[in-house]
C-alpha cells in the first residue's frame, strides 16, 4: 500500500474547497465541536483538579490523615515512629502523638460541638499546615497545665469569643457516673488564638495541648495510645496503612489504622463523581462532533465517487482508498484538537485574569479559581479524541472502498 500517495490525495481532498456547501458547513461544525469540546474539557478538568487539591490542603491538612491506635498504649512510640518514617521517608513526613475527642464548647453566649485535637506543638510545627498557616505564637502558648485552646476562626465567631476569653469544654470521654446520672468531664480553657484554613474545619476543629486533653478525658497524660501520621499525599493513606501496621507489628507494637476517609471520604467521593460527570458531559460534545465528521465524509465520498473509481481502475488497493478518507477526516479532527488544546491551556492559565476583566466572580469577592493542569489528563483527552474521530472515519472510508468502478463510470 502506497502510504505517501494516499496521504497526498487525502490532504488534497482536505484542502480543496467542497463543491457541496452543506458539506463544508458540516465540516466546519465538526471542527468547531471538537475545538469547543476539547478546550472546555481541559478547562473544567483543570479547575476541578485545583478545587480538589485545595480541599485536600485545607481539610486534610487540618484533620488526622492516618491514625495509628494501640489499645494498651505504645511502649516506645518515638523509636518505633522514627524507624517507620525512615522506611517510608518519601510518603510519610512525620508521626506524632495525638489525642482526639468530640466535645461541646460553651461560651457565655453560645454552645457548639467540635472535634478537639490534642497535640505537642513543638513536634507538629515542622510538618503541620495548620500551625504554619495560622498564628504560630498562638500554638506556642499551648503549654501543658495552662489549659489553653486554639480555635478555628469560624468556630470562634459562632461562640462569640476572641483571644483571652474563656470557653468550657465538655468531653464525652471520661464521663463520671453519679447518683444524679452521668456527668461529662469538663474544664475551662483560655482562648490562646485562632487559625484559618478556609474550609469547614474552621467551624469544627479546636487544638489543645496533648497532656491537657488527656487530663480532660481522665486518661494518663504520659500514655500515648494514638499516633498521627502526616503524609506527603493524604490520598495514599489507604495504600500505605497496611505496610505501616505491619512494620509496627515487627517492632513489637500492635496497632490498628484508620484514615481520613471515615470522616471526609463522602466529600471527596462527591467531588470525584462530579468531576467524572462533567468530563462525561463534555466528552459528548466531542462525540457529536465525531458524528458530524461521519456526515461530512459520507458527502465527500458521494462527491468523489468517480475519482475513487478512476483511482481503483489505476490499481489503487482497497486499503489505500480507505486511508485517503481516514486521513481527510483525521486532519479535520487534528485541526480542532490542536486549536482546542492550545485554547484550553491558554484559558486555564489565564482564567482568573479573564474572569476579572469580565467582572465575573465565580467563588465570591476576593476569591480566585484554583487550577491544576495535569499533563496526564491532557494526554488522555488527546488520545481519546483521536480514537473517537478515527473510529468515526472508518464507516465513510469503508463505503468509499466498496465503490465498483464499472458501476460508477457507466454513464461517465
Protein backbone atom coordinates (compact mmCIF):
# COMPACT_ATOMS: atom_id res chain seq x y z
CA UNK A 1 0.00 0.00 0.00
CA UNK A 2 1.40 3.39 -1.07
CA UNK A 3 1.06 5.47 2.12
CA UNK A 4 2.60 8.57 0.54
CA UNK A 5 0.12 8.60 -2.33
CA UNK A 6 -2.87 8.06 -0.02
CA UNK A 7 -1.72 10.87 2.24
CA UNK A 8 -1.17 13.18 -0.75
CA UNK A 9 -4.68 12.58 -2.15
CA UNK A 10 -6.31 12.79 1.29
CA UNK A 11 -4.52 16.07 2.00
CA UNK A 12 -5.60 17.49 -1.37
CA UNK A 13 -9.21 16.50 -0.72
CA UNK A 14 -9.00 18.14 2.69
CA UNK A 15 -7.64 21.41 1.30
CA UNK A 16 -9.91 21.55 -1.77
CA UNK A 17 -12.99 23.73 -1.49
CA UNK A 18 -16.02 21.49 -1.19
CA UNK A 19 -18.45 21.50 -4.13
CA UNK A 20 -21.28 20.88 -1.68
CA UNK A 21 -21.73 23.95 0.52
CA UNK A 22 -23.65 21.92 3.08
CA UNK A 23 -20.72 19.50 3.38
CA UNK A 24 -18.44 22.47 4.06
CA UNK A 25 -20.79 23.66 6.78
CA UNK A 26 -20.92 20.21 8.38
CA UNK A 27 -17.11 20.02 8.31
CA UNK A 28 -16.82 23.43 9.94
CA UNK A 29 -19.37 22.40 12.55
CA UNK A 30 -17.42 19.22 13.28
CA UNK A 31 -14.10 21.05 13.69
CA UNK A 32 -15.77 23.69 15.88
CA UNK A 33 -17.37 20.97 18.01
CA UNK A 34 -14.05 19.26 18.62
CA UNK A 35 -12.44 22.62 19.35
CA UNK A 36 -15.08 23.59 21.93
CA UNK A 37 -15.26 20.13 23.47
CA UNK A 38 -11.50 19.71 23.93
CA UNK A 39 -10.96 23.25 25.25
CA UNK A 40 -13.92 23.01 27.66
CA UNK A 41 -12.78 19.59 28.86
CA UNK A 42 -9.26 20.87 29.60
CA UNK A 43 -10.54 23.98 31.38
CA UNK A 44 -13.13 22.18 33.52
CA UNK A 45 -10.78 19.29 34.37
CA UNK A 46 -8.04 21.70 35.43
CA UNK A 47 -10.40 23.75 37.61
CA UNK A 48 -11.85 20.61 39.21
CA UNK A 49 -8.30 19.36 39.88
CA UNK A 50 -7.50 22.69 41.51
CA UNK A 51 -10.61 22.60 43.68
CA UNK A 52 -9.86 19.02 44.72
CA UNK A 53 -6.27 19.96 45.57
CA UNK A 54 -7.47 22.98 47.56
CA UNK A 55 -9.89 20.81 49.53
CA UNK A 56 -7.10 18.33 50.17
CA UNK A 57 -4.83 21.05 51.55
CA UNK A 58 -7.44 22.91 53.56
CA UNK A 59 -9.33 19.95 55.02
CA UNK A 60 -6.92 17.04 55.12
CA UNK A 61 -4.15 19.37 56.25
CA UNK A 62 -6.07 20.05 59.46
CA UNK A 63 -7.54 16.65 60.35
CA UNK A 64 -5.82 13.32 61.09
CA UNK A 65 -4.78 11.77 57.79
CA UNK A 66 -3.71 8.40 59.15
CA UNK A 67 -4.24 7.45 62.79
CA UNK A 68 -2.50 4.50 64.42
CA UNK A 69 -4.20 3.15 67.55
CA UNK A 70 -2.71 0.95 70.27
CA UNK A 71 -5.34 -0.02 72.83
CA UNK A 72 -2.75 -0.80 75.52
CA UNK A 73 -0.54 2.18 74.72
CA UNK A 74 2.75 2.35 72.82
CA UNK A 75 5.81 1.02 74.65
CA UNK A 76 8.22 3.36 72.85
CA UNK A 77 6.33 5.37 70.24
CA UNK A 78 9.32 7.60 69.44
CA UNK A 79 11.72 4.80 68.47
CA UNK A 80 9.07 2.90 66.51
CA UNK A 81 7.89 6.03 64.69
CA UNK A 82 11.43 7.04 63.70
CA UNK A 83 12.03 3.66 62.09
CA UNK A 84 8.71 3.72 60.23
CA UNK A 85 9.29 7.27 58.95
CA UNK A 86 12.80 6.31 57.83
CA UNK A 87 11.39 3.33 55.93
CA UNK A 88 8.68 5.47 54.22
CA UNK A 89 10.54 8.78 54.02
CA UNK A 90 9.03 9.68 50.64
CA UNK A 91 5.44 9.13 51.71
CA UNK A 92 5.39 9.97 55.43
CA UNK A 93 6.53 13.39 56.64
CA UNK A 94 6.32 12.55 60.32
CA UNK A 95 4.48 10.68 63.09
CA UNK A 96 3.47 12.42 66.31
CA UNK A 97 1.32 11.60 69.36
CA UNK A 98 -2.31 12.57 69.04
CA UNK A 99 -5.43 12.63 71.15
CA UNK A 100 -8.93 13.40 69.96
CA UNK A 101 -12.42 13.75 71.37
CA UNK A 102 -15.78 15.03 70.27
CA UNK A 103 -16.65 17.82 72.67
CA UNK A 104 -19.08 20.64 73.32
CA UNK A 105 -17.57 24.11 73.64
CA UNK A 106 -19.55 26.59 75.70
CA UNK A 107 -19.02 30.32 75.90
CA UNK A 108 -21.05 32.93 77.74
CA UNK A 109 -23.26 33.40 74.71
CA UNK A 110 -23.37 30.13 72.78
CA UNK A 111 -22.52 26.42 72.66
CA UNK A 112 -21.22 24.41 69.74
CA UNK A 113 -19.86 20.91 69.01
CA UNK A 114 -16.30 20.47 67.75
CA UNK A 115 -13.54 17.94 67.35
CA UNK A 116 -10.81 18.73 69.87
CA UNK A 117 -7.31 17.55 68.97
CA UNK A 118 -4.51 17.21 71.49
CA UNK A 119 -1.04 17.96 70.11
CA UNK A 120 2.56 18.62 71.04
CA UNK A 121 3.15 21.97 69.24
CA UNK A 122 6.92 21.58 69.01
CA UNK A 123 6.60 18.20 67.30
CA UNK A 124 3.81 19.38 64.98
CA UNK A 125 5.37 22.67 63.85
CA UNK A 126 7.74 21.28 61.15
CA UNK A 127 5.00 19.21 59.46
CA UNK A 128 1.61 20.75 60.27
CA UNK A 129 -0.06 23.01 57.71
CA UNK A 130 -2.42 24.34 60.38
CA UNK A 131 0.38 25.72 62.54
CA UNK A 132 2.19 27.12 59.52
CA UNK A 133 -0.97 28.78 58.16
CA UNK A 134 -2.22 30.15 61.46
CA UNK A 135 -0.80 32.20 64.30
CA UNK A 136 2.41 30.42 65.30
CA UNK A 137 2.52 32.34 68.56
CA UNK A 138 -0.93 31.00 69.48
CA UNK A 139 0.20 27.39 69.14
CA UNK A 140 3.37 28.18 71.09
CA UNK A 141 1.13 29.11 74.03
CA UNK A 142 -0.27 25.58 74.22
CA UNK A 143 1.70 24.63 77.32
CA UNK A 144 0.87 21.59 79.43
CA UNK A 145 -1.09 22.55 82.52
CA UNK A 146 -2.06 26.02 81.23
CA UNK A 147 -5.31 24.75 79.63
CA UNK A 148 -5.31 26.92 76.55
CA UNK A 149 -7.14 26.28 73.28
CA UNK A 150 -6.67 27.43 69.67
CA UNK A 151 -9.98 27.68 67.80
CA UNK A 152 -10.91 27.78 64.14
CA UNK A 153 -11.87 31.34 63.23
CA UNK A 154 -15.43 30.44 62.24
CA UNK A 155 -15.88 28.38 65.41
CA UNK A 156 -14.72 31.38 67.47
CA UNK A 157 -17.22 33.60 65.67
CA UNK A 158 -20.00 31.13 66.38
CA UNK A 159 -19.11 31.07 70.07
CA UNK A 160 -18.62 34.84 70.11
CA UNK A 161 -15.15 34.66 71.69
CA UNK A 162 -11.77 36.16 70.94
CA UNK A 163 -8.23 35.84 72.28
CA UNK A 164 -8.12 35.74 76.07
CA UNK A 165 -11.76 34.70 76.55
CA UNK A 166 -12.77 31.59 78.46
CA UNK A 167 -14.63 28.60 76.99
CA UNK A 168 -15.76 25.47 78.79
CA UNK A 169 -15.06 22.11 77.17
CA UNK A 170 -17.35 19.14 77.82
CA UNK A 171 -15.93 15.79 76.75
CA UNK A 172 -17.87 12.58 76.26
CA UNK A 173 -14.71 10.68 77.22
CA UNK A 174 -14.12 10.42 80.94
CA UNK A 175 -17.78 10.55 81.97
CA UNK A 176 -18.34 10.12 85.70
CA UNK A 177 -21.48 8.32 86.84
CA UNK A 178 -23.12 9.81 89.90
CA UNK A 179 -26.44 9.23 91.70
CA UNK A 180 -27.79 12.12 89.58
CA UNK A 181 -26.70 10.44 86.35
CA UNK A 182 -23.67 10.61 84.06
CA UNK A 183 -21.63 13.80 84.31
CA UNK A 184 -19.31 14.62 81.39
CA UNK A 185 -15.74 15.65 82.00
CA UNK A 186 -15.39 19.42 81.77
CA UNK A 187 -12.90 22.21 82.24
CA UNK A 188 -12.44 25.88 81.38
CA UNK A 189 -9.87 26.73 78.71
CA UNK A 190 -8.46 30.11 77.69
CA UNK A 191 -8.54 31.03 74.00
CA UNK A 192 -4.87 31.41 73.01
CA UNK A 193 -5.53 32.32 69.37
CA UNK A 194 -7.25 31.42 66.13
CA UNK A 195 -6.36 29.56 62.95
CA UNK A 196 -7.95 29.68 59.50
CA UNK A 197 -7.71 27.08 56.74
CA UNK A 198 -10.53 28.45 54.58
CA UNK A 199 -12.64 25.29 54.84
CA UNK A 200 -15.26 23.65 57.02
CA UNK A 201 -12.65 22.66 59.61
CA UNK A 202 -12.56 26.30 60.70
CA UNK A 203 -16.01 25.73 62.18
CA UNK A 204 -15.48 22.32 63.73
CA UNK A 205 -11.90 21.85 65.00
CA UNK A 206 -10.02 23.10 68.07
CA UNK A 207 -6.48 22.39 69.31
CA UNK A 208 -5.23 21.99 72.90
CA UNK A 209 -2.05 20.58 74.39
CA UNK A 210 -1.87 16.77 74.32
CA UNK A 211 -1.47 16.40 78.08
CA UNK A 212 -4.30 18.83 78.84
CA UNK A 213 -6.68 16.84 76.65
CA UNK A 214 -5.59 13.57 78.23
CA UNK A 215 -6.42 15.00 81.66
CA UNK A 216 -9.76 16.30 80.40
CA UNK A 217 -10.61 12.78 79.22
CA UNK A 218 -9.35 11.41 82.58
CA UNK A 219 -6.54 9.44 80.98
CA UNK A 220 -2.87 9.15 81.88
CA UNK A 221 -1.18 12.26 80.47
CA UNK A 222 2.03 10.30 79.75
CA UNK A 223 0.36 7.39 77.94
CA UNK A 224 0.23 7.55 74.16
CA UNK A 225 -2.48 5.40 72.58
CA UNK A 226 -2.88 7.30 69.29
CA UNK A 227 -0.27 8.35 66.76
CA UNK A 228 -0.99 10.71 63.89
CA UNK A 229 0.91 10.26 60.62
CA UNK A 230 1.38 13.24 58.30
CA UNK A 231 1.52 12.04 54.69
CA UNK A 232 3.09 13.64 51.64
CA UNK A 233 -0.12 12.81 49.78
CA UNK A 234 -3.16 12.16 52.03
CA UNK A 235 -4.76 10.14 49.22
CA UNK A 236 -2.06 7.49 49.84
CA UNK A 237 -3.48 6.75 53.30
CA UNK A 238 -5.34 3.57 52.39
CA UNK A 239 -2.43 2.24 50.33
CA UNK A 240 0.27 2.85 52.92
CA UNK A 241 -1.70 1.83 56.05
CA UNK A 242 -1.18 -1.99 55.81
CA UNK A 243 2.58 -1.58 55.38
CA UNK A 244 2.81 0.78 58.38
CA UNK A 245 0.74 -1.54 60.59
CA UNK A 246 2.93 -4.49 59.59
CA UNK A 247 6.13 -2.61 60.36
CA UNK A 248 4.85 -1.55 63.79
CA UNK A 249 4.00 -5.20 64.49
CA UNK A 250 7.57 -6.18 63.61
CA UNK A 251 8.73 -3.63 66.19
CA UNK A 252 6.54 -5.17 68.89
CA UNK A 253 3.67 -2.67 68.70
CA UNK A 254 0.17 -3.99 68.00
CA UNK A 255 -1.74 -1.25 66.21
CA UNK A 256 -4.80 -0.71 64.06
CA UNK A 257 -5.10 2.03 61.45
CA UNK A 258 -7.88 4.33 60.35
CA UNK A 259 -7.68 7.21 57.90
CA UNK A 260 -9.47 10.40 56.91
CA UNK A 261 -11.98 8.59 54.69
CA UNK A 262 -14.03 7.64 57.75
CA UNK A 263 -14.99 11.29 58.27
CA UNK A 264 -14.39 13.03 54.93
CA UNK A 265 -14.46 10.23 52.37
CA UNK A 266 -18.00 11.11 51.29
CA UNK A 267 -16.96 14.69 50.47
CA UNK A 268 -14.09 13.70 48.19
CA UNK A 269 -16.20 10.93 46.63
CA UNK A 270 -18.79 13.56 45.73
CA UNK A 271 -16.10 15.80 44.21
CA UNK A 272 -14.71 12.87 42.20
CA UNK A 273 -18.17 11.89 40.95
CA UNK A 274 -18.92 15.49 39.96
CA UNK A 275 -15.62 15.70 38.08
CA UNK A 276 -16.34 12.44 36.24
CA UNK A 277 -19.87 13.53 35.31
CA UNK A 278 -18.63 16.87 33.99
CA UNK A 279 -15.99 15.09 31.92
CA UNK A 280 -18.61 12.69 30.56
CA UNK A 281 -20.96 15.51 29.53
CA UNK A 282 -18.19 17.45 27.80
CA UNK A 283 -16.98 14.28 26.07
CA UNK A 284 -20.42 14.03 24.50
CA UNK A 285 -19.69 17.30 22.68
CA UNK A 286 -16.65 15.64 21.10
CA UNK A 287 -18.76 12.57 20.28
CA UNK A 288 -21.36 14.73 18.48
CA UNK A 289 -18.56 16.42 16.54
CA UNK A 290 -17.21 13.00 15.58
CA UNK A 291 -20.62 12.04 14.17
CA UNK A 292 -20.55 15.24 12.13
CA UNK A 293 -17.25 14.08 10.67
CA UNK A 294 -19.06 10.93 9.53
CA UNK A 295 -21.72 13.03 7.78
CA UNK A 296 -19.14 15.27 6.10
CA UNK A 297 -17.05 12.34 4.89
CA UNK A 298 -20.09 10.47 3.53
CA UNK A 299 -20.94 13.56 1.47
CA UNK A 300 -17.34 13.73 0.29
CA UNK A 301 -17.46 10.06 -0.74
CA UNK A 302 -20.59 10.74 -2.79
CA UNK A 303 -18.92 13.74 -4.48
CA UNK A 304 -15.72 11.81 -5.20
CA UNK A 305 -17.23 8.52 -6.31
CA UNK A 306 -15.98 8.97 -9.87
CA UNK A 307 -12.50 9.91 -8.67
CA UNK A 308 -12.35 6.82 -6.47
CA UNK A 309 -13.49 4.63 -9.35
CA UNK A 310 -10.76 6.03 -11.62
CA UNK A 311 -8.13 5.51 -8.92
CA UNK A 312 -9.23 1.91 -8.46
CA UNK A 313 -9.01 1.27 -12.20
CA UNK A 314 -5.43 2.55 -11.99
CA UNK A 315 -4.66 -0.16 -9.44
CA UNK A 316 -5.21 1.62 -6.11
CA UNK A 317 -5.92 -1.01 -3.48
CA UNK A 318 -8.93 -1.07 -1.14
CA UNK A 319 -6.83 -0.25 2.00
CA UNK A 320 -5.24 2.68 0.16
CA UNK A 321 -8.68 4.06 -0.77
CA UNK A 322 -9.84 3.75 2.83
CA UNK A 323 -6.70 5.50 4.03
CA UNK A 324 -7.42 8.53 1.80
CA UNK A 325 -10.68 9.28 3.61
CA UNK A 326 -9.33 8.30 7.03
CA UNK A 327 -6.57 10.89 6.54
CA UNK A 328 -9.05 13.51 5.38
CA UNK A 329 -11.29 13.02 8.43
CA UNK A 330 -8.33 12.80 10.78
CA UNK A 331 -6.94 16.12 9.54
CA UNK A 332 -10.24 17.80 10.45
CA UNK A 333 -10.05 16.22 13.89
CA UNK A 334 -6.39 17.22 14.33
CA UNK A 335 -7.19 20.82 13.44
CA UNK A 336 -9.95 21.03 16.03
CA UNK A 337 -7.86 19.13 18.58
CA UNK A 338 -4.81 21.35 18.16
CA UNK A 339 -6.79 24.60 18.37
CA UNK A 340 -8.84 23.28 21.30
CA UNK A 341 -5.77 22.15 23.24
CA UNK A 342 -3.98 25.48 22.78
CA UNK A 343 -7.11 27.47 23.67
CA UNK A 344 -7.89 25.25 26.67
CA UNK A 345 -4.40 25.55 28.16
CA UNK A 346 -4.26 29.30 27.48
CA UNK A 347 -7.65 30.00 29.09
CA UNK A 348 -6.81 27.73 32.03
CA UNK A 349 -3.55 29.56 32.74
CA UNK A 350 -5.26 32.96 32.49
CA UNK A 351 -8.75 32.13 33.75
CA UNK A 352 -8.57 34.40 36.79
CA UNK A 353 -7.37 37.35 34.69
CA UNK A 354 -10.12 36.70 32.14
CA UNK A 355 -12.91 36.44 34.74
CA UNK A 356 -11.58 39.54 36.48
CA UNK A 357 -11.56 41.51 33.20
CA UNK A 358 -15.13 40.39 32.52
CA UNK A 359 -16.23 41.33 36.03
CA UNK A 360 -17.17 37.74 36.88
CA UNK A 361 -16.61 36.40 40.40
CA UNK A 362 -17.31 32.66 40.46
CA UNK A 363 -16.30 31.92 44.06
CA UNK A 364 -17.19 35.29 45.51
CA UNK A 365 -15.37 38.60 46.01
CA UNK A 366 -11.63 38.23 46.54
CA UNK A 367 -11.64 34.51 45.71
CA UNK A 368 -9.66 33.09 42.80
CA UNK A 369 -10.26 29.85 40.99
CA UNK A 370 -7.58 27.27 41.78
CA UNK A 371 -6.30 25.47 38.70
CA UNK A 372 -4.05 22.45 38.33
CA UNK A 373 -3.17 21.37 34.79
CA UNK A 374 -2.47 17.66 34.57
CA UNK A 375 -0.35 16.59 31.61
CA UNK A 376 -1.67 13.05 32.07
CA UNK A 377 -5.27 14.22 31.76
CA UNK A 378 -4.49 16.32 28.69
CA UNK A 379 -2.80 13.29 27.14
CA UNK A 380 -5.88 11.21 27.91
CA UNK A 381 -8.15 13.86 26.33
CA UNK A 382 -5.97 14.00 23.20
CA UNK A 383 -5.77 10.21 22.82
CA UNK A 384 -9.48 9.77 23.50
CA UNK A 385 -10.40 12.42 20.92
CA UNK A 386 -8.11 10.90 18.29
CA UNK A 387 -9.51 7.43 18.93
CA UNK A 388 -13.11 8.67 18.75
CA UNK A 389 -12.57 10.56 15.49
CA UNK A 390 -10.56 7.70 13.97
CA UNK A 391 -13.48 5.34 14.59
CA UNK A 392 -15.81 7.93 13.03
CA UNK A 393 -13.84 7.87 9.78
CA UNK A 394 -13.99 4.08 9.34
CA UNK A 395 -17.54 3.82 8.00
CA UNK A 396 -17.17 6.51 5.28
CA UNK A 397 -13.77 5.07 4.34
CA UNK A 398 -15.22 1.58 4.09
CA UNK A 399 -18.08 2.94 1.96
CA UNK A 400 -15.58 4.55 -0.41
CA UNK A 401 -13.59 1.33 -0.66
CA UNK A 402 -16.71 -0.58 -1.78
CA UNK A 403 -17.18 1.61 -4.85
CA UNK A 404 -17.33 -0.55 -8.01
CA UNK A 405 -15.52 1.18 -10.89
CA UNK A 406 -17.76 -0.35 -13.56
CA UNK A 407 -20.96 0.90 -11.93
CA UNK A 408 -19.57 4.33 -11.00
CA UNK A 409 -18.17 5.03 -14.51
CA UNK A 410 -21.03 3.55 -16.55
CA UNK A 411 -22.50 6.91 -17.51
CA UNK A 412 -19.31 8.98 -17.45
